[in-house]
C-alpha atoms as a PDB file:
ATOM      1  CA  UNK A   1      -9.188 -39.447  96.856  1.00  0.00           C
ATOM      2  CA  UNK A   2      -9.648 -42.757  94.942  1.00  0.00           C
ATOM      3  CA  UNK A   3     -10.544 -46.062  96.625  1.00  0.00           C
ATOM      4  CA  UNK A   4      -7.820 -48.707  96.440  1.00  0.00           C
ATOM      5  CA  UNK A   5      -8.946 -51.678  94.495  1.00  0.00           C
ATOM      6  CA  UNK A   6      -9.061 -55.131  96.334  1.00  0.00           C
ATOM      7  CA  UNK A   7      -5.971 -57.138  95.588  1.00  0.00           C
ATOM      8  CA  UNK A   8      -8.028 -59.761  93.864  1.00  0.00           C
ATOM      9  CA  UNK A   9     -11.296 -58.050  92.475  1.00  0.00           C
ATOM     10  CA  UNK A  10     -13.096 -58.819  89.033  1.00  0.00           C
ATOM     11  CA  UNK A  11     -13.405 -55.842  87.299  1.00  0.00           C
ATOM     12  CA  UNK A  12     -15.684 -55.748  83.871  1.00  0.00           C
ATOM     13  CA  UNK A  13     -17.852 -53.983  81.478  1.00  0.00           C
ATOM     14  CA  UNK A  14     -21.250 -55.477  82.401  1.00  0.00           C
ATOM     15  CA  UNK A  15     -25.006 -54.761  82.477  1.00  0.00           C
ATOM     16  CA  UNK A  16     -27.742 -56.738  84.164  1.00  0.00           C
ATOM     17  CA  UNK A  17     -27.647 -59.682  81.714  1.00  0.00           C
ATOM     18  CA  UNK A  18     -24.143 -59.748  79.872  1.00  0.00           C
ATOM     19  CA  UNK A  19     -20.426 -59.346  80.778  1.00  0.00           C
ATOM     20  CA  UNK A  20     -17.631 -58.440  78.343  1.00  0.00           C
ATOM     21  CA  UNK A  21     -14.502 -60.531  78.015  1.00  0.00           C
ATOM     22  CA  UNK A  22     -11.627 -60.305  75.647  1.00  0.00           C
ATOM     23  CA  UNK A  23      -9.755 -62.732  73.457  1.00  0.00           C
ATOM     24  CA  UNK A  24      -7.178 -62.160  70.750  1.00  0.00           C
ATOM     25  CA  UNK A  25      -6.901 -64.299  67.457  1.00  0.00           C
ATOM     26  CA  UNK A  26      -5.432 -64.511  64.016  1.00  0.00           C
ATOM     27  CA  UNK A  27      -7.734 -63.571  61.190  1.00  0.00           C
ATOM     28  CA  UNK A  28      -8.521 -67.103  60.419  1.00  0.00           C
ATOM     29  CA  UNK A  29     -10.310 -67.685  63.764  1.00  0.00           C
ATOM     30  CA  UNK A  30     -11.616 -64.240  64.354  1.00  0.00           C
ATOM     31  CA  UNK A  31     -13.088 -63.651  60.777  1.00  0.00           C
ATOM     32  CA  UNK A  32     -15.563 -66.681  60.942  1.00  0.00           C
ATOM     33  CA  UNK A  33     -16.428 -65.927  64.581  1.00  0.00           C
ATOM     34  CA  UNK A  34     -17.476 -62.446  63.650  1.00  0.00           C
ATOM     35  CA  UNK A  35     -19.664 -63.638  60.822  1.00  0.00           C
ATOM     36  CA  UNK A  36     -21.349 -66.398  62.610  1.00  0.00           C
ATOM     37  CA  UNK A  37     -21.664 -64.737  65.947  1.00  0.00           C
ATOM     38  CA  UNK A  38     -19.790 -67.527  67.860  1.00  0.00           C
ATOM     39  CA  UNK A  39     -16.577 -69.641  67.449  1.00  0.00           C
ATOM     40  CA  UNK A  40     -16.417 -72.077  64.614  1.00  0.00           C
ATOM     41  CA  UNK A  41     -13.558 -74.083  62.957  1.00  0.00           C
ATOM     42  CA  UNK A  42     -10.653 -73.650  62.786  1.00  0.00           C
ATOM     43  CA  UNK A  43     -11.044 -72.567  66.474  1.00  0.00           C
ATOM     44  CA  UNK A  44     -10.470 -75.884  68.445  1.00  0.00           C
ATOM     45  CA  UNK A  45     -12.917 -76.834  71.138  1.00  0.00           C
ATOM     46  CA  UNK A  46     -10.184 -79.261  72.470  1.00  0.00           C
ATOM     47  CA  UNK A  47      -7.870 -76.562  73.686  1.00  0.00           C
ATOM     48  CA  UNK A  48      -8.187 -74.352  76.629  1.00  0.00           C
ATOM     49  CA  UNK A  49      -9.229 -70.948  75.806  1.00  0.00           C
ATOM     50  CA  UNK A  50      -8.592 -68.034  77.961  1.00  0.00           C
ATOM     51  CA  UNK A  51     -11.031 -65.288  78.381  1.00  0.00           C
ATOM     52  CA  UNK A  52     -10.171 -61.920  80.223  1.00  0.00           C
ATOM     53  CA  UNK A  53     -12.570 -59.108  81.503  1.00  0.00           C
ATOM     54  CA  UNK A  54      -9.715 -56.681  81.629  1.00  0.00           C
ATOM     55  CA  UNK A  55      -8.971 -54.688  78.401  1.00  0.00           C
ATOM     56  CA  UNK A  56      -5.676 -53.562  79.430  1.00  0.00           C
ATOM     57  CA  UNK A  57      -4.444 -57.056  80.464  1.00  0.00           C
ATOM     58  CA  UNK A  58      -5.591 -58.145  76.973  1.00  0.00           C
ATOM     59  CA  UNK A  59      -3.600 -55.461  75.494  1.00  0.00           C
ATOM     60  CA  UNK A  60      -0.372 -56.548  77.576  1.00  0.00           C
ATOM     61  CA  UNK A  61      -1.078 -60.161  76.608  1.00  0.00           C
ATOM     62  CA  UNK A  62      -1.475 -59.405  72.684  1.00  0.00           C
ATOM     63  CA  UNK A  63       0.991 -56.539  72.794  1.00  0.00           C
ATOM     64  CA  UNK A  64      -1.741 -54.047  71.401  1.00  0.00           C
ATOM     65  CA  UNK A  65      -2.923 -56.598  68.794  1.00  0.00           C
ATOM     66  CA  UNK A  66       0.703 -56.799  67.335  1.00  0.00           C
ATOM     67  CA  UNK A  67       1.794 -60.335  68.259  1.00  0.00           C
ATOM     68  CA  UNK A  68       1.744 -63.106  65.946  1.00  0.00           C
ATOM     69  CA  UNK A  69      -1.719 -64.955  66.093  1.00  0.00           C
ATOM     70  CA  UNK A  70      -3.119 -62.119  68.164  1.00  0.00           C
ATOM     71  CA  UNK A  71      -3.821 -59.435  65.563  1.00  0.00           C
ATOM     72  CA  UNK A  72      -7.583 -59.183  66.068  1.00  0.00           C
ATOM     73  CA  UNK A  73      -8.942 -58.437  69.323  1.00  0.00           C
ATOM     74  CA  UNK A  74     -12.541 -59.668  70.237  1.00  0.00           C
ATOM     75  CA  UNK A  75     -14.891 -58.330  72.817  1.00  0.00           C
ATOM     76  CA  UNK A  76     -17.143 -61.154  73.592  1.00  0.00           C
ATOM     77  CA  UNK A  77     -20.449 -60.719  75.357  1.00  0.00           C
ATOM     78  CA  UNK A  78     -21.432 -63.504  77.494  1.00  0.00           C
ATOM     79  CA  UNK A  79     -24.386 -64.154  79.814  1.00  0.00           C
ATOM     80  CA  UNK A  80     -23.718 -63.061  83.355  1.00  0.00           C
ATOM     81  CA  UNK A  81     -25.254 -66.489  84.345  1.00  0.00           C
ATOM     82  CA  UNK A  82     -22.490 -68.287  82.046  1.00  0.00           C
ATOM     83  CA  UNK A  83     -19.701 -66.187  83.495  1.00  0.00           C
ATOM     84  CA  UNK A  84     -20.653 -67.126  87.143  1.00  0.00           C
ATOM     85  CA  UNK A  85     -21.102 -70.939  86.185  1.00  0.00           C
ATOM     86  CA  UNK A  86     -17.636 -70.706  84.786  1.00  0.00           C
ATOM     87  CA  UNK A  87     -16.219 -69.231  88.123  1.00  0.00           C
ATOM     88  CA  UNK A  88     -18.330 -71.486  90.441  1.00  0.00           C
ATOM     89  CA  UNK A  89     -16.856 -74.650  88.539  1.00  0.00           C
ATOM     90  CA  UNK A  90     -13.178 -73.232  88.608  1.00  0.00           C
ATOM     91  CA  UNK A  91     -10.145 -74.081  90.378  1.00  0.00           C
ATOM     92  CA  UNK A  92      -7.112 -72.037  90.915  1.00  0.00           C
ATOM     93  CA  UNK A  93      -4.428 -72.812  88.492  1.00  0.00           C
ATOM     94  CA  UNK A  94      -1.778 -72.795  91.020  1.00  0.00           C
ATOM     95  CA  UNK A  95      -1.623 -74.007  94.561  1.00  0.00           C
ATOM     96  CA  UNK A  96      -2.284 -71.294  97.149  1.00  0.00           C
ATOM     97  CA  UNK A  97      -1.786 -72.071 100.933  1.00  0.00           C
ATOM     98  CA  UNK A  98      -4.309 -69.313 101.954  1.00  0.00           C
ATOM     99  CA  UNK A  99      -6.846 -70.930  99.814  1.00  0.00           C
ATOM    100  CA  UNK A 100      -6.580 -74.771 100.088  1.00  0.00           C
ATOM    101  CA  UNK A 101      -5.586 -76.825 103.210  1.00  0.00           C
ATOM    102  CA  UNK A 102      -3.144 -79.005 101.334  1.00  0.00           C
ATOM    103  CA  UNK A 103      -1.614 -79.322  97.859  1.00  0.00           C
ATOM    104  CA  UNK A 104      -3.371 -82.609  97.338  1.00  0.00           C
ATOM    105  CA  UNK A 105      -6.625 -81.035  98.041  1.00  0.00           C
ATOM    106  CA  UNK A 106      -5.876 -78.535  95.467  1.00  0.00           C
ATOM    107  CA  UNK A 107      -5.002 -81.117  92.979  1.00  0.00           C
ATOM    108  CA  UNK A 108      -8.035 -83.058  93.494  1.00  0.00           C
ATOM    109  CA  UNK A 109     -10.135 -79.982  92.828  1.00  0.00           C
ATOM    110  CA  UNK A 110      -8.172 -79.094  89.709  1.00  0.00           C
ATOM    111  CA  UNK A 111      -8.676 -82.412  88.321  1.00  0.00           C
ATOM    112  CA  UNK A 112     -12.377 -82.252  88.685  1.00  0.00           C
ATOM    113  CA  UNK A 113     -12.792 -78.585  87.319  1.00  0.00           C
ATOM    114  CA  UNK A 114     -13.199 -77.851  83.793  1.00  0.00           C
ATOM    115  CA  UNK A 115     -12.194 -74.175  84.311  1.00  0.00           C
ATOM    116  CA  UNK A 116      -8.860 -72.713  85.653  1.00  0.00           C
ATOM    117  CA  UNK A 117      -8.432 -69.189  87.304  1.00  0.00           C
ATOM    118  CA  UNK A 118      -5.375 -67.282  87.652  1.00  0.00           C
ATOM    119  CA  UNK A 119      -4.914 -63.840  89.102  1.00  0.00           C
ATOM    120  CA  UNK A 120      -2.115 -61.787  87.246  1.00  0.00           C
ATOM    121  CA  UNK A 121      -0.828 -58.289  87.954  1.00  0.00           C
ATOM    122  CA  UNK A 122      -3.321 -55.725  86.315  1.00  0.00           C
ATOM    123  CA  UNK A 123      -1.675 -53.278  84.009  1.00  0.00           C
ATOM    124  CA  UNK A 124      -1.568 -49.704  83.633  1.00  0.00           C
ATOM    125  CA  UNK A 125      -1.526 -47.662  80.129  1.00  0.00           C
ATOM    126  CA  UNK A 126       2.180 -48.229  79.843  1.00  0.00           C
ATOM    127  CA  UNK A 127       1.376 -52.017  80.414  1.00  0.00           C
ATOM    128  CA  UNK A 128       3.315 -51.916  83.425  1.00  0.00           C
ATOM    129  CA  UNK A 129       2.137 -54.276  86.509  1.00  0.00           C
ATOM    130  CA  UNK A 130      -0.045 -52.552  89.095  1.00  0.00           C
ATOM    131  CA  UNK A 131      -0.266 -53.924  92.795  1.00  0.00           C
ATOM    132  CA  UNK A 132      -3.792 -55.422  92.244  1.00  0.00           C
ATOM    133  CA  UNK A 133      -4.540 -58.282  90.009  1.00  0.00           C
ATOM    134  CA  UNK A 134      -6.884 -58.968  87.152  1.00  0.00           C
ATOM    135  CA  UNK A 135      -8.551 -62.423  86.733  1.00  0.00           C
ATOM    136  CA  UNK A 136      -7.796 -64.732  83.786  1.00  0.00           C
ATOM    137  CA  UNK A 137     -10.248 -67.615  83.244  1.00  0.00           C
ATOM    138  CA  UNK A 138      -9.401 -70.762  81.166  1.00  0.00           C
ATOM    139  CA  UNK A 139     -12.327 -72.792  79.741  1.00  0.00           C
ATOM    140  CA  UNK A 140     -11.801 -76.662  78.821  1.00  0.00           C
ATOM    141  CA  UNK A 141     -14.180 -79.416  77.988  1.00  0.00           C
ATOM    142  CA  UNK A 142     -17.802 -78.812  79.176  1.00  0.00           C
ATOM    143  CA  UNK A 143     -16.919 -74.977  79.865  1.00  0.00           C
ATOM    144  CA  UNK A 144     -15.868 -74.422  76.327  1.00  0.00           C
ATOM    145  CA  UNK A 145     -18.985 -76.163  74.834  1.00  0.00           C
ATOM    146  CA  UNK A 146     -21.063 -74.053  77.024  1.00  0.00           C
ATOM    147  CA  UNK A 147     -19.306 -71.082  76.075  1.00  0.00           C
ATOM    148  CA  UNK A 148     -19.442 -71.489  72.337  1.00  0.00           C
ATOM    149  CA  UNK A 149     -22.867 -72.962  72.173  1.00  0.00           C
ATOM    150  CA  UNK A 150     -24.857 -71.177  75.008  1.00  0.00           C
ATOM    151  CA  UNK A 151     -23.195 -68.244  76.757  1.00  0.00           C
ATOM    152  CA  UNK A 152     -21.986 -66.074  73.820  1.00  0.00           C
ATOM    153  CA  UNK A 153     -24.480 -63.139  73.030  1.00  0.00           C
ATOM    154  CA  UNK A 154     -22.215 -60.982  70.477  1.00  0.00           C
ATOM    155  CA  UNK A 155     -18.744 -60.816  69.375  1.00  0.00           C
ATOM    156  CA  UNK A 156     -17.256 -57.346  68.165  1.00  0.00           C
ATOM    157  CA  UNK A 157     -13.834 -56.602  66.628  1.00  0.00           C
ATOM    158  CA  UNK A 158     -12.144 -54.016  68.815  1.00  0.00           C
ATOM    159  CA  UNK A 159      -8.921 -54.153  67.158  1.00  0.00           C
ATOM    160  CA  UNK A 160      -9.161 -50.494  65.967  1.00  0.00           C
ATOM    161  CA  UNK A 161      -9.899 -49.279  69.629  1.00  0.00           C
ATOM    162  CA  UNK A 162      -6.590 -51.160  70.625  1.00  0.00           C
ATOM    163  CA  UNK A 163      -4.752 -49.437  67.934  1.00  0.00           C
ATOM    164  CA  UNK A 164      -6.377 -46.081  68.979  1.00  0.00           C
ATOM    165  CA  UNK A 165      -5.628 -46.238  72.690  1.00  0.00           C
ATOM    166  CA  UNK A 166      -2.116 -47.440  71.918  1.00  0.00           C
ATOM    167  CA  UNK A 167      -1.620 -44.476  69.548  1.00  0.00           C
ATOM    168  CA  UNK A 168      -2.749 -42.049  72.158  1.00  0.00           C
ATOM    169  CA  UNK A 169      -0.155 -43.707  74.724  1.00  0.00           C
ATOM    170  CA  UNK A 170       2.526 -43.618  72.286  1.00  0.00           C
ATOM    171  CA  UNK A 171       2.102 -39.841  71.803  1.00  0.00           C
ATOM    172  CA  UNK A 172       1.975 -39.327  75.544  1.00  0.00           C
ATOM    173  CA  UNK A 173      -1.733 -38.385  75.668  1.00  0.00           C
ATOM    174  CA  UNK A 174      -2.790 -40.360  78.724  1.00  0.00           C
ATOM    175  CA  UNK A 175      -5.936 -38.335  79.231  1.00  0.00           C
ATOM    176  CA  UNK A 176      -7.194 -39.300  75.707  1.00  0.00           C
ATOM    177  CA  UNK A 177      -6.126 -42.916  76.072  1.00  0.00           C
ATOM    178  CA  UNK A 178      -7.978 -43.275  79.436  1.00  0.00           C
ATOM    179  CA  UNK A 179     -11.061 -41.531  77.826  1.00  0.00           C
ATOM    180  CA  UNK A 180     -11.175 -44.406  75.049  1.00  0.00           C
ATOM    181  CA  UNK A 181     -10.790 -47.328  77.612  1.00  0.00           C
ATOM    182  CA  UNK A 182     -14.000 -49.377  78.193  1.00  0.00           C
ATOM    183  CA  UNK A 183     -15.713 -48.276  81.414  1.00  0.00           C
ATOM    184  CA  UNK A 184     -14.859 -51.326  83.734  1.00  0.00           C
ATOM    185  CA  UNK A 185     -16.179 -51.521  87.203  1.00  0.00           C
ATOM    186  CA  UNK A 186     -16.168 -53.966  90.110  1.00  0.00           C
ATOM    187  CA  UNK A 187     -18.193 -56.877  89.271  1.00  0.00           C
ATOM    188  CA  UNK A 188     -20.237 -58.098  92.269  1.00  0.00           C
ATOM    189  CA  UNK A 189     -19.303 -61.892  92.721  1.00  0.00           C
ATOM    190  CA  UNK A 190     -21.780 -63.907  95.114  1.00  0.00           C
ATOM    191  CA  UNK A 191     -19.735 -64.614  98.231  1.00  0.00           C
ATOM    192  CA  UNK A 192     -19.378 -68.426  97.599  1.00  0.00           C
ATOM    193  CA  UNK A 193     -17.933 -67.816  94.143  1.00  0.00           C
ATOM    194  CA  UNK A 194     -15.537 -65.280  95.475  1.00  0.00           C
ATOM    195  CA  UNK A 195     -14.288 -67.657  97.997  1.00  0.00           C
ATOM    196  CA  UNK A 196     -13.974 -70.436  95.365  1.00  0.00           C
ATOM    197  CA  UNK A 197     -11.695 -68.435  93.129  1.00  0.00           C
ATOM    198  CA  UNK A 198      -9.743 -66.566  95.680  1.00  0.00           C
ATOM    199  CA  UNK A 199     -11.424 -63.213  95.296  1.00  0.00           C
ATOM    200  CA  UNK A 200     -11.160 -60.608  97.792  1.00  0.00           C
END
């Protein structure tokens, strides 16, 4: 018997110091980032950049690395300190009556936060929605600068892994596909951060 995941729980690959998040980019951004070990031009710091701890949600978003300008999937190691700083300074991207007393209170928090959080349905190997949700974290302003300059510890190209998992799914070998997936597990968010981002 397996435990039912919480409706909003962060799952990720992590160790004592680093947590892995995913992004997908075209060659012109991924290539320089892999060479330098962080994001450099033509990456635009002025734009919000979204990081995703869920590999399968990243696959859903980039179509197994087949969508235009998302052909290279990167696994980005960032410090747990940075990851938690982002969530501690985040606001939900949409008004949630269960989380904010009024819409105006939410808007005020939103305007003062350099980070956005949204919870979208997690995906299975067929990229179908699951009942529980995965976290997406949008970084802007100060948060992007901290991400690029301070938090990133490594960048790896996992495009080949995306293609390998997709090939196993396509030929109906769910056992092999599941065995290839990164080993994500519940991330222990501090209570105050979980409350801020609406985690359960």
